Structures are given as structure tokens and as C-alpha cells.
C-alpha atoms as a PDB file:
ATOM      1  CA  MET A   1      25.752  -5.765  -9.864  1.00  0.00           C
ATOM      2  CA  LYS A   2      23.755  -9.014  -9.550  1.00  0.00           C
ATOM      3  CA  ILE A   3      20.376  -8.481  -7.920  1.00  0.00           C
ATOM      4  CA  VAL A   4      17.694 -10.758  -6.521  1.00  0.00           C
ATOM      5  CA  PHE A   5      14.340  -8.981  -6.647  1.00  0.00           C
ATOM      6  CA  MET A   6      11.696  -9.916  -4.063  1.00  0.00           C
ATOM      7  CA  GLY A   7       8.176  -8.487  -4.349  1.00  0.00           C
ATOM      8  CA  THR A   8       4.569  -9.483  -4.891  1.00  0.00           C
ATOM      9  CA  PRO A   9       1.841  -6.827  -5.480  1.00  0.00           C
ATOM     10  CA  ASP A  10       1.287  -4.047  -8.008  1.00  0.00           C
ATOM     11  CA  PHE A  11       3.286  -1.669  -5.800  1.00  0.00           C
ATOM     12  CA  SER A  12       6.454  -3.647  -6.565  1.00  0.00           C
ATOM     13  CA  VAL A  13       6.156  -3.793 -10.362  1.00  0.00           C
ATOM     14  CA  PRO A  14       7.468  -0.263 -11.195  1.00  0.00           C
ATOM     15  CA  VAL A  15      10.493  -1.022  -9.028  1.00  0.00           C
ATOM     16  CA  LEU A  16      11.287  -4.181 -10.988  1.00  0.00           C
ATOM     17  CA  ASP A  17      10.886  -2.267 -14.252  1.00  0.00           C
ATOM     18  CA  ALA A  18      13.180   0.497 -13.024  1.00  0.00           C
ATOM     19  CA  LEU A  19      15.939  -1.975 -12.104  1.00  0.00           C
ATOM     20  CA  VAL A  20      15.706  -3.689 -15.491  1.00  0.00           C
ATOM     21  CA  ASN A  21      15.696  -0.357 -17.331  1.00  0.00           C
ATOM     22  CA  ALA A  22      18.760   0.742 -15.361  1.00  0.00           C
ATOM     23  CA  GLY A  23      20.632  -2.258 -16.702  1.00  0.00           C
ATOM     24  CA  TYR A  24      21.023  -4.308 -13.540  1.00  0.00           C
ATOM     25  CA  GLU A  25      21.320  -8.074 -13.855  1.00  0.00           C
ATOM     26  CA  ILE A  26      18.298  -9.657 -12.168  1.00  0.00           C
ATOM     27  CA  VAL A  27      19.482 -13.189 -11.385  1.00  0.00           C
ATOM     28  CA  ALA A  28      16.097 -14.252  -9.960  1.00  0.00           C
ATOM     29  CA  VAL A  29      12.726 -12.839  -8.959  1.00  0.00           C
ATOM     30  CA  TYR A  30      11.034 -14.098  -5.805  1.00  0.00           C
ATOM     31  CA  SER A  31       7.305 -13.613  -5.386  1.00  0.00           C
ATOM     32  CA  GLN A  32       4.527 -15.164  -3.326  1.00  0.00           C
ATOM     33  CA  PRO A  33       2.922 -18.264  -4.878  1.00  0.00           C
ATOM     34  CA  PRO A  34      -0.055 -17.960  -7.234  1.00  0.00           C
ATOM     35  CA  ARG A  35      -3.383 -17.634  -5.404  1.00  0.00           C
ATOM     36  CA  PRO A  36      -6.898 -18.777  -6.357  1.00  0.00           C
ATOM     37  CA  ALA A  37      -8.788 -15.792  -7.783  1.00  0.00           C
ATOM     38  CA  GLY A  38     -11.951 -14.974  -9.685  1.00  0.00           C
ATOM     39  CA  ARG A  39     -15.177 -16.926  -9.864  1.00  0.00           C
ATOM     40  CA  GLY A  40     -13.454 -20.081 -11.033  1.00  0.00           C
ATOM     41  CA  LYS A  41     -10.834 -19.850  -8.279  1.00  0.00           C
ATOM     42  CA  LYS A  42      -8.139 -20.485 -10.858  1.00  0.00           C
ATOM     43  CA  GLU A  43      -4.643 -19.882  -9.568  1.00  0.00           C
ATOM     44  CA  ARG A  44      -3.416 -16.462 -10.623  1.00  0.00           C
ATOM     45  CA  PRO A  45       0.231 -15.378 -10.485  1.00  0.00           C
ATOM     46  CA  SER A  46       1.121 -12.263  -8.536  1.00  0.00           C
ATOM     47  CA  PRO A  47       1.585  -8.995 -10.458  1.00  0.00           C
ATOM     48  CA  VAL A  48       5.336  -9.281  -9.951  1.00  0.00           C
ATOM     49  CA  GLN A  49       5.471 -12.862 -11.241  1.00  0.00           C
ATOM     50  CA  ALA A  50       3.399 -11.928 -14.282  1.00  0.00           C
ATOM     51  CA  ARG A  51       5.650  -8.973 -15.091  1.00  0.00           C
ATOM     52  CA  ALA A  52       8.865 -10.918 -14.468  1.00  0.00           C
ATOM     53  CA  GLU A  53       7.731 -13.650 -16.861  1.00  0.00           C
ATOM     54  CA  GLU A  54       6.963 -11.007 -19.500  1.00  0.00           C
ATOM     55  CA  LEU A  55      10.534  -9.773 -19.070  1.00  0.00           C
ATOM     56  CA  GLY A  56      11.921 -13.296 -19.415  1.00  0.00           C
ATOM     57  CA  LEU A  57      13.270 -13.407 -15.863  1.00  0.00           C
ATOM     58  CA  THR A  58      13.616 -16.491 -13.669  1.00  0.00           C
ATOM     59  CA  VAL A  59      10.810 -16.591 -11.086  1.00  0.00           C
ATOM     60  CA  ARG A  60      10.681 -18.533  -7.853  1.00  0.00           C
ATOM     61  CA  HIS A  61       7.688 -18.603  -5.536  1.00  0.00           C
ATOM     62  CA  PRO A  62       8.441 -20.722  -2.464  1.00  0.00           C
ATOM     63  CA  VAL A  63       5.825 -20.991   0.264  1.00  0.00           C
ATOM     64  CA  SER A  64       8.546 -20.357   2.854  1.00  0.00           C
ATOM     65  CA  LEU A  65      12.236 -19.476   3.002  1.00  0.00           C
ATOM     66  CA  LYS A  66      12.855 -21.248   6.300  1.00  0.00           C
ATOM     67  CA  GLY A  67      14.034 -24.537   4.789  1.00  0.00           C
ATOM     68  CA  ALA A  68      17.711 -25.353   4.288  1.00  0.00           C
ATOM     69  CA  ASP A  69      17.190 -26.249   0.616  1.00  0.00           C
ATOM     70  CA  GLU A  70      15.515 -22.929  -0.200  1.00  0.00           C
ATOM     71  CA  GLN A  71      18.226 -21.030   1.647  1.00  0.00           C
ATOM     72  CA  ALA A  72      20.974 -22.922  -0.182  1.00  0.00           C
ATOM     73  CA  GLU A  73      19.318 -22.198  -3.579  1.00  0.00           C
ATOM     74  CA  PHE A  74      19.084 -18.521  -2.672  1.00  0.00           C
ATOM     75  CA  ALA A  75      22.739 -18.343  -1.599  1.00  0.00           C
ATOM     76  CA  ALA A  76      23.830 -20.145  -4.770  1.00  0.00           C
ATOM     77  CA  LEU A  77      22.559 -17.216  -6.851  1.00  0.00           C
ATOM     78  CA  GLY A  78      25.638 -15.273  -5.751  1.00  0.00           C
ATOM     79  CA  ALA A  79      23.742 -11.988  -5.557  1.00  0.00           C
ATOM     80  CA  ASP A  80      25.428  -8.746  -4.608  1.00  0.00           C
ATOM     81  CA  VAL A  81      22.162  -7.279  -3.281  1.00  0.00           C
ATOM     82  CA  ALA A  82      18.567  -8.349  -2.720  1.00  0.00           C
ATOM     83  CA  VAL A  83      15.986  -5.636  -3.336  1.00  0.00           C
ATOM     84  CA  VAL A  84      12.830  -6.304  -1.327  1.00  0.00           C
ATOM     85  CA  VAL A  85       9.570  -4.412  -1.744  1.00  0.00           C
ATOM     86  CA  ALA A  86       6.245  -5.664  -0.343  1.00  0.00           C
ATOM     87  CA  TYR A  87       7.335  -9.293  -0.676  1.00  0.00           C
ATOM     88  CA  GLY A  88       5.155 -10.574   2.139  1.00  0.00           C
ATOM     89  CA  LEU A  89       7.300 -13.448   3.456  1.00  0.00           C
ATOM     90  CA  LEU A  90       9.592 -13.457   6.466  1.00  0.00           C
ATOM     91  CA  LEU A  91      13.273 -13.406   5.532  1.00  0.00           C
ATOM     92  CA  PRO A  92      15.303 -15.626   7.891  1.00  0.00           C
ATOM     93  CA  GLN A  93      18.762 -14.506   8.926  1.00  0.00           C
ATOM     94  CA  ALA A  94      20.378 -16.893   6.437  1.00  0.00           C
ATOM     95  CA  ILE A  95      18.575 -15.105   3.584  1.00  0.00           C
ATOM     96  CA  LEU A  96      19.456 -11.664   4.947  1.00  0.00           C
ATOM     97  CA  ASP A  97      23.115 -12.664   5.152  1.00  0.00           C
ATOM     98  CA  ALA A  98      23.414 -14.329   1.726  1.00  0.00           C
ATOM     99  CA  PRO A  99      23.837 -11.336  -0.635  1.00  0.00           C
ATOM    100  CA  ALA A 100      27.322  -9.834  -0.460  1.00  0.00           C
ATOM    101  CA  ARG A 101      25.917  -6.380   0.354  1.00  0.00           C
ATOM    102  CA  GLY A 102      22.807  -7.432   2.176  1.00  0.00           C
ATOM    103  CA  CYS A 103      19.101  -6.925   1.554  1.00  0.00           C
ATOM    104  CA  LEU A 104      17.638  -3.486   0.837  1.00  0.00           C
ATOM    105  CA  ASN A 105      13.973  -2.870   1.561  1.00  0.00           C
ATOM    106  CA  ILE A 106      11.791  -0.149   0.037  1.00  0.00           C
ATOM    107  CA  HIS A 107       9.309   0.856   2.737  1.00  0.00           C
ATOM    108  CA  ALA A 108       6.419   3.232   2.072  1.00  0.00           C
ATOM    109  CA  SER A 109       6.686   5.475   5.109  1.00  0.00           C
ATOM    110  CA  LEU A 110       9.097   7.809   6.865  1.00  0.00           C
ATOM    111  CA  LEU A 111      10.552   5.352   9.336  1.00  0.00           C
ATOM    112  CA  PRO A 112      10.321   4.861  12.257  1.00  0.00           C
ATOM    113  CA  ARG A 113       6.725   6.037  11.706  1.00  0.00           C
ATOM    114  CA  TRP A 114       4.438   3.329  10.341  1.00  0.00           C
ATOM    115  CA  ARG A 115       6.520   0.212  10.511  1.00  0.00           C
ATOM    116  CA  GLY A 116       4.538  -2.811   9.434  1.00  0.00           C
ATOM    117  CA  ALA A 117       1.958  -4.019   6.952  1.00  0.00           C
ATOM    118  CA  ALA A 118      -0.230  -1.052   5.991  1.00  0.00           C
ATOM    119  CA  PRO A 119       1.777   2.188   6.160  1.00  0.00           C
ATOM    120  CA  ILE A 120      -0.074   3.978   3.339  1.00  0.00           C
ATOM    121  CA  HIS A 121      -3.553   3.262   4.718  1.00  0.00           C
ATOM    122  CA  ARG A 122      -2.535   4.231   8.241  1.00  0.00           C
ATOM    123  CA  ALA A 123      -0.841   7.473   7.236  1.00  0.00           C
ATOM    124  CA  ILE A 124      -4.021   8.741   5.564  1.00  0.00           C
ATOM    125  CA  MET A 125      -6.330   7.451   8.297  1.00  0.00           C
ATOM    126  CA  ALA A 126      -4.204   9.153  10.957  1.00  0.00           C
ATOM    127  CA  GLY A 127      -4.358  12.490   9.157  1.00  0.00           C
ATOM    128  CA  ASP A 128      -0.633  12.695   8.364  1.00  0.00           C
ATOM    129  CA  THR A 129       0.177  15.574   6.023  1.00  0.00           C
ATOM    130  CA  GLU A 130       3.354  13.982   4.677  1.00  0.00           C
ATOM    131  CA  THR A 131       4.851  10.562   4.149  1.00  0.00           C
ATOM    132  CA  GLY A 132       7.493   9.110   1.878  1.00  0.00           C
ATOM    133  CA  VAL A 133       9.749   6.192   1.055  1.00  0.00           C
ATOM    134  CA  CYS A 134      12.758   4.832   2.905  1.00  0.00           C
ATOM    135  CA  ILE A 135      15.507   2.627   1.506  1.00  0.00           C
ATOM    136  CA  MET A 136      16.428   0.497   4.496  1.00  0.00           C
ATOM    137  CA  GLN A 137      19.128  -2.061   5.216  1.00  0.00           C
ATOM    138  CA  MET A 138      17.136  -5.075   6.368  1.00  0.00           C
ATOM    139  CA  GLU A 139      17.689  -6.843   9.671  1.00  0.00           C
ATOM    140  CA  ALA A 140      15.714  -9.400  11.663  1.00  0.00           C
ATOM    141  CA  GLY A 141      13.323  -6.904  13.313  1.00  0.00           C
ATOM    142  CA  LEU A 142      10.114  -5.590  11.740  1.00  0.00           C
ATOM    143  CA  ASP A 143      11.249  -2.598   9.641  1.00  0.00           C
ATOM    144  CA  THR A 144      13.865  -1.719  12.256  1.00  0.00           C
ATOM    145  CA  GLY A 145      16.962  -1.532  10.054  1.00  0.00           C
ATOM    146  CA  PRO A 146      19.094   1.546   9.439  1.00  0.00           C
ATOM    147  CA  VAL A 147      17.969   3.912   6.672  1.00  0.00           C
ATOM    148  CA  LEU A 148      20.204   4.633   3.680  1.00  0.00           C
ATOM    149  CA  MET A 149      17.933   7.109   1.886  1.00  0.00           C
ATOM    150  CA  ARG A 150      14.568   8.775   2.400  1.00  0.00           C
ATOM    151  CA  GLN A 151      12.297  10.716   0.054  1.00  0.00           C
ATOM    152  CA  THR A 152       9.419  12.817   1.399  1.00  0.00           C
ATOM    153  CA  THR A 153       6.130  13.766  -0.240  1.00  0.00           C
ATOM    154  CA  SER A 154       2.988  15.540   0.924  1.00  0.00           C
ATOM    155  CA  ILE A 155      -0.409  13.855   1.280  1.00  0.00           C
ATOM    156  CA  GLY A 156      -3.158  15.721  -0.530  1.00  0.00           C
ATOM    157  CA  ALA A 157      -6.346  16.756   1.265  1.00  0.00           C
ATOM    158  CA  GLU A 158      -8.433  14.507  -1.016  1.00  0.00           C
ATOM    159  CA  GLU A 159      -5.823  11.836  -1.771  1.00  0.00           C
ATOM    160  CA  THR A 160      -6.835   8.187  -1.503  1.00  0.00           C
ATOM    161  CA  THR A 161      -4.690   5.211  -0.598  1.00  0.00           C
ATOM    162  CA  GLN A 162      -4.704   4.112  -4.258  1.00  0.00           C
ATOM    163  CA  GLN A 163      -3.428   7.479  -5.458  1.00  0.00           C
ATOM    164  CA  LEU A 164      -0.761   7.692  -2.766  1.00  0.00           C
ATOM    165  CA  HIS A 165       0.180   4.049  -3.371  1.00  0.00           C
ATOM    166  CA  ASP A 166       0.853   4.738  -7.049  1.00  0.00           C
ATOM    167  CA  HIS A 167       2.832   7.899  -6.276  1.00  0.00           C
ATOM    168  CA  LEU A 168       5.017   6.224  -3.645  1.00  0.00           C
ATOM    169  CA  SER A 169       5.660   3.266  -5.933  1.00  0.00           C
ATOM    170  CA  GLN A 170       7.170   5.610  -8.520  1.00  0.00           C
ATOM    171  CA  ILE A 171       9.192   7.428  -5.846  1.00  0.00           C
ATOM    172  CA  GLY A 172      10.483   4.096  -4.552  1.00  0.00           C
ATOM    173  CA  ALA A 173      11.484   2.939  -8.019  1.00  0.00           C
ATOM    174  CA  LYS A 174      13.600   6.039  -8.606  1.00  0.00           C
ATOM    175  CA  ALA A 175      15.036   5.988  -5.085  1.00  0.00           C
ATOM    176  CA  ILE A 176      16.310   2.395  -5.242  1.00  0.00           C
ATOM    177  CA  VAL A 177      18.045   3.020  -8.568  1.00  0.00           C
ATOM    178  CA  ASP A 178      19.704   6.105  -7.072  1.00  0.00           C
ATOM    179  CA  ALA A 179      20.630   4.187  -3.913  1.00  0.00           C
ATOM    180  CA  LEU A 180      22.247   1.322  -5.809  1.00  0.00           C
ATOM    181  CA  ALA A 181      24.209   3.735  -8.005  1.00  0.00           C
ATOM    182  CA  ASN A 182      25.563   5.488  -4.907  1.00  0.00           C
ATOM    183  CA  LEU A 183      25.750   2.569  -2.502  1.00  0.00           C
ATOM    184  CA  ASP A 184      29.427   3.109  -1.659  1.00  0.00           C
ATOM    185  CA  ASN A 185      28.732   6.690  -0.591  1.00  0.00           C
ATOM    186  CA  LEU A 186      25.565   6.211   1.477  1.00  0.00           C
ATOM    187  CA  THR A 187      25.598   6.119   5.276  1.00  0.00           C
ATOM    188  CA  ALA A 188      23.192   3.788   7.052  1.00  0.00           C
ATOM    189  CA  GLU A 189      21.569   5.871   9.791  1.00  0.00           C
ATOM    190  CA  PRO A 190      19.987   3.992  12.704  1.00  0.00           C
ATOM    191  CA  GLN A 191      16.330   4.753  13.225  1.00  0.00           C
ATOM    192  CA  PRO A 192      15.569   6.934  16.243  1.00  0.00           C
ATOM    193  CA  GLU A 193      13.876   5.266  19.190  1.00  0.00           C
ATOM    194  CA  GLU A 194      11.334   8.071  19.446  1.00  0.00           C
ATOM    195  CA  GLY A 195       8.412   8.301  17.045  1.00  0.00           C
ATOM    196  CA  VAL A 196       7.925   4.589  16.435  1.00  0.00           C
ATOM    197  CA  THR A 197       4.403   3.656  15.296  1.00  0.00           C
ATOM    198  CA  TYR A 198       3.049   0.438  13.827  1.00  0.00           C
ATOM    199  CA  ALA A 199       0.828   0.160  10.769  1.00  0.00           C
ATOM    200  CA  SER A 200      -1.217  -2.886  11.678  1.00  0.00           C
ATOM    201  CA  LYS A 201      -2.913  -4.870   8.927  1.00  0.00           C
ATOM    202  CA  ILE A 202      -6.296  -3.463   7.919  1.00  0.00           C
ATOM    203  CA  ASP A 203      -9.222  -5.315   9.511  1.00  0.00           C
ATOM    204  CA  LYS A 204     -12.405  -5.370   7.437  1.00  0.00           C
ATOM    205  CA  ALA A 205     -14.302  -4.538  10.634  1.00  0.00           C
ATOM    206  CA  GLU A 206     -12.770  -1.049  10.425  1.00  0.00           C
ATOM    207  CA  ALA A 207     -14.539  -0.373   7.132  1.00  0.00           C
ATOM    208  CA  LYS A 208     -18.080   0.313   8.340  1.00  0.00           C
ATOM    209  CA  ILE A 209     -18.665   4.051   8.592  1.00  0.00           C
ATOM    210  CA  ASP A 210     -19.911   5.487  11.870  1.00  0.00           C
ATOM    211  CA  TRP A 211     -21.528   8.798  10.972  1.00  0.00           C
ATOM    212  CA  SER A 212     -21.429   9.934  14.615  1.00  0.00           C
ATOM    213  CA  GLU A 213     -17.651  10.359  14.307  1.00  0.00           C
ATOM    214  CA  PRO A 214     -16.265  13.785  13.336  1.00  0.00           C
ATOM    215  CA  ALA A 215     -16.208  14.513   9.600  1.00  0.00           C
ATOM    216  CA  SER A 216     -12.403  14.597   9.621  1.00  0.00           C
ATOM    217  CA  VAL A 217     -12.292  11.005  10.891  1.00  0.00           C
ATOM    218  CA  VAL A 218     -14.967   9.802   8.458  1.00  0.00           C
ATOM    219  CA  ASP A 219     -13.253  11.471   5.497  1.00  0.00           C
ATOM    220  CA  ARG A 220      -9.864   9.991   6.371  1.00  0.00           C
ATOM    221  CA  ARG A 221     -11.395   6.545   6.800  1.00  0.00           C
ATOM    222  CA  ILE A 222     -13.091   6.708   3.389  1.00  0.00           C
ATOM    223  CA  ARG A 223      -9.921   7.868   1.623  1.00  0.00           C
ATOM    224  CA  GLY A 224      -7.618   5.620   3.636  1.00  0.00           C
ATOM    225  CA  LEU A 225      -9.577   2.453   2.846  1.00  0.00           C
ATOM    226  CA  SER A 226      -9.999   3.237  -0.877  1.00  0.00           C
ATOM    227  CA  PRO A 227     -10.029   1.045  -2.856  1.00  0.00           C
ATOM    228  CA  PHE A 228      -9.481  -1.903  -0.519  1.00  0.00           C
ATOM    229  CA  PRO A 229     -11.253  -3.016   1.535  1.00  0.00           C
ATOM    230  CA  GLY A 230     -13.439   0.045   0.893  1.00  0.00           C
ATOM    231  CA  ALA A 231     -15.317   1.930   3.595  1.00  0.00           C
ATOM    232  CA  TRP A 232     -19.053   1.277   3.401  1.00  0.00           C
ATOM    233  CA  CYS A 233     -22.479   2.168   4.675  1.00  0.00           C
ATOM    234  CA  GLU A 234     -26.025   1.047   3.923  1.00  0.00           C
ATOM    235  CA  ILE A 235     -28.136   3.090   1.503  1.00  0.00           C
ATOM    236  CA  GLU A 236     -31.763   2.004   1.196  1.00  0.00           C
ATOM    237  CA  GLY A 237     -30.857  -1.427   2.511  1.00  0.00           C
ATOM    238  CA  GLN A 238     -27.951  -1.921   0.118  1.00  0.00           C
ATOM    239  CA  ARG A 239     -24.322  -2.071   1.177  1.00  0.00           C
ATOM    240  CA  VAL A 240     -22.440   0.606  -0.745  1.00  0.00           C
ATOM    241  CA  LYS A 241     -18.702   1.257  -0.807  1.00  0.00           C
ATOM    242  CA  LEU A 242     -17.576   4.857  -0.360  1.00  0.00           C
ATOM    243  CA  LEU A 243     -14.362   5.376  -2.315  1.00  0.00           C
ATOM    244  CA  ALA A 244     -13.737   9.132  -2.380  1.00  0.00           C
ATOM    245  CA  SER A 245     -14.841  12.086  -0.301  1.00  0.00           C
ATOM    246  CA  ARG A 246     -13.980  15.587   0.805  1.00  0.00           C
ATOM    247  CA  LEU A 247     -14.694  17.679   3.868  1.00  0.00           C
ATOM    248  CA  ALA A 248     -17.768  19.897   3.515  1.00  0.00           C
ATOM    249  CA  GLU A 249     -19.732  22.439   5.499  1.00  0.00           C
ATOM    250  CA  GLY A 250     -23.049  21.613   7.096  1.00  0.00           C
ATOM    251  CA  THR A 251     -24.680  20.241  10.221  1.00  0.00           C
ATOM    252  CA  GLY A 252     -27.419  17.759  10.892  1.00  0.00           C
ATOM    253  CA  ALA A 253     -28.153  14.416  12.493  1.00  0.00           C
ATOM    254  CA  PRO A 254     -25.331  11.909  11.894  1.00  0.00           C
ATOM    255  CA  GLY A 255     -25.870  10.269   8.510  1.00  0.00           C
ATOM    256  CA  GLU A 256     -28.404  12.856   7.313  1.00  0.00           C
ATOM    257  CA  ILE A 257     -28.179  13.863   3.656  1.00  0.00           C
ATOM    258  CA  LEU A 258     -27.909  17.652   3.582  1.00  0.00           C
ATOM    259  CA  ASP A 259     -28.206  18.520  -0.126  1.00  0.00           C
ATOM    260  CA  ASP A 260     -28.481  17.176  -3.659  1.00  0.00           C
ATOM    261  CA  ALA A 261     -24.691  16.683  -3.927  1.00  0.00           C
ATOM    262  CA  LEU A 262     -24.473  13.860  -1.356  1.00  0.00           C
ATOM    263  CA  THR A 263     -23.171  15.973   1.489  1.00  0.00           C
ATOM    264  CA  VAL A 264     -23.704  13.918   4.640  1.00  0.00           C
ATOM    265  CA  ALA A 265     -23.742  15.164   8.227  1.00  0.00           C
ATOM    266  CA  CYS A 266     -21.337  13.640  10.728  1.00  0.00           C
ATOM    267  CA  GLY A 267     -20.948  13.982  14.485  1.00  0.00           C
ATOM    268  CA  GLU A 268     -19.111  17.206  13.745  1.00  0.00           C
ATOM    269  CA  SER A 269     -19.461  18.980  10.386  1.00  0.00           C
ATOM    270  CA  ALA A 270     -20.006  16.972   7.164  1.00  0.00           C
ATOM    271  CA  VAL A 271     -18.430  15.131   4.239  1.00  0.00           C
ATOM    272  CA  GLN A 272     -19.336  15.108   0.569  1.00  0.00           C
ATOM    273  CA  LEU A 273     -19.286  11.672  -1.055  1.00  0.00           C
ATOM    274  CA  LEU A 274     -17.590  11.763  -4.475  1.00  0.00           C
ATOM    275  CA  ARG A 275     -17.314   8.154  -5.691  1.00  0.00           C
ATOM    276  CA  LEU A 276     -19.403   5.151  -4.701  1.00  0.00           C
ATOM    277  CA  GLN A 277     -19.855   1.514  -5.680  1.00  0.00           C
ATOM    278  CA  ARG A 278     -22.810  -0.798  -5.269  1.00  0.00           C
ATOM    279  CA  ALA A 279     -22.241  -4.548  -4.949  1.00  0.00           C
ATOM    280  CA  GLY A 280     -21.648  -6.089  -8.357  1.00  0.00           C
ATOM    281  CA  LYS A 281     -21.464  -2.689 -10.066  1.00  0.00           C
ATOM    282  CA  GLY A 282     -18.655  -0.451 -11.250  1.00  0.00           C
ATOM    283  CA  VAL A 283     -17.372   2.614  -9.429  1.00  0.00           C
ATOM    284  CA  GLN A 284     -19.538   5.684 -10.095  1.00  0.00           C
ATOM    285  CA  ASP A 285     -19.146   9.395  -9.530  1.00  0.00           C
ATOM    286  CA  SER A 286     -21.785  10.706  -7.167  1.00  0.00           C
ATOM    287  CA  GLU A 287     -23.897  12.390  -9.839  1.00  0.00           C
ATOM    288  CA  VAL A 288     -24.120   9.136 -11.814  1.00  0.00           C
ATOM    289  CA  PHE A 289     -24.775   7.143  -8.652  1.00  0.00           C
ATOM    290  CA  LEU A 290     -27.707   9.412  -7.745  1.00  0.00           C
ATOM    291  CA  ARG A 291     -29.476   8.522 -10.996  1.00  0.00           C
ATOM    292  CA  GLY A 292     -30.025   5.061  -9.548  1.00  0.00           C
ATOM    293  CA  PHE A 293     -31.021   6.255  -6.069  1.00  0.00           C
ATOM    294  CA  ALA A 294     -33.725   8.836  -5.492  1.00  0.00           C
ATOM    295  CA  LEU A 295     -31.983  10.264  -2.457  1.00  0.00           C
ATOM    296  CA  ALA A 296     -33.169  13.584  -1.106  1.00  0.00           C
ATOM    297  CA  PRO A 297     -32.089  15.965   1.651  1.00  0.00           C
ATOM    298  CA  GLY A 298     -33.400  14.779   4.985  1.00  0.00           C
ATOM    299  CA  GLN A 299     -32.902  11.072   4.357  1.00  0.00           C
ATOM    300  CA  THR A 300     -30.485   9.254   6.656  1.00  0.00           C
ATOM    301  CA  LEU A 301     -27.739   6.822   5.654  1.00  0.00           C
END
């Protein structure tokens, strides 16, 4: 089976590795173009491009797939299937139609819940207790295609987006290999019309913590935005990212520090801050962080 792989971020890399390890012929890898990064703003290839080059695979990174030349080059690959995971570019109908058996997308939610750009963040921020991965036959709509396979997993009470991201990436890698091996026997089930939600792109304006919100909302926001963009608050005039937390007992004025373990009062109940990061510094566990801040019960964040 000849496969075109289309992906860009870290999430996609284990999937590419799994396809290679399973022995599939990867005729080309498509990824978004290199972007300026770091202090020198030197162009840096995407994680998928970097890994594909390590594997000796052909990499293409067009800015768009809307042009006739790009579409003709894609069709000329003669792929049986395109596997798409967090690619980040719109696939025109001509691209969707080119592979003999279509384009399969690995989507990190239990469709039709959380269609769109940020399904992992939104699942945690909404308080979902489970999520998963769907292998979907792609069509022109936004994550609307019929589902060939789904794998479910629970969301831990203290799980962050990074942790869930890594877990779902591994689930997706195994699922697509299983799906391709059993493609002739899988039934594409249309998504139900009920239960559709959209995982809109994360806006950095969502990241500032409002301590007057209930602790459950604050905790989910901290975990859901970890590590990027990172929920934050001001501590002694410094902007500090909050990267891990758990629900805790306690009451007080919103933002009030309740003990020596960085338990902070919210509008209802409290949260304990577990990992923090000052600007320009590394991530620190709370006990290490407190060595640099003489914070005491009664102070307000």
C-alpha cells in the first residue's frame, strides 16, 4: 500500500514512525513550511519534516494545495491512501479525490464532539471525563466525514493537555496501523447530527486566570492550557505561568493564598498550584518555586 503522509507538529511524529515500522511505503511526506523560530528567527522545519528527513523520506512543504500544479504533483504520486494528522492546511476536493482509497484523518476527539482545531485543550477545559481518537474518512467539511474506527480513553483528574496529547498520539499511531490493515472490513459510519461541538482555536486572551471563578473552572483552565499558551497570573508584579494544579479544600477571598503549599482560594473552593514558570526561567515544582518567592498565607495573587 502506497501512502502519502500529511502532518506537521509533534503529535504527528509517532504516527509517521508507526507507519514506517509497519512496513508501509511512504511515497511522500507533506508538512507545513519551515517557520522562523528562536532568537535569530532562523527558519526551522516542522517536527514531521525533521523526522521524515531522518528517515530518508521525500518531503514537500507547499504553502497551499489549491494550485493546479501542486494538485497534479500530488496525484502523480499514485497513492492508495493519504494519512492526515494535524497537517494544518486545507485539502481541496482534488486532493481528497486523488488517492485511490481516499484520505484518512486521525482526529483527537470522539467525533462529532470537538470538531476543529483544539480538541484536546477543549476537552479538558470543558471537564470531559473521556475522549479518544477517531479514524475518519475525510470530506470537504470540517471534521464531518464518516468514522471508520474509534478508540476511547479516560481523562485523568490531574491530566494536562501535554500529557493527554502524548497519550492520544500513541493511541492514534496504533489505531491507523490497525485501520489500514483491516481497511476492507471496516464500515464508515456517518457521524450523528446530535452532539456536535466545535473546538475553536485557543485565544491567548483565555489564559489569564480569574480567581473569582469556581475552583473546578480554574483547575481545568490551568491543565487545559498547559503547556501552551499556559494559564497565568501575576505574583508580586511578575507574570507567572501556571502549568499544573489540582482541586483542593479551603475557602477565602479569590486569589488568597491559604497555606504554605500554594493552595489558592477561588470563587468556590480552592486549587493547589503544582508547577509554575517565571518568564525566562524553567518550569519548577511549587516547592522549588517558593524558594524564590517569600509567599505566605494571606497574600493575594
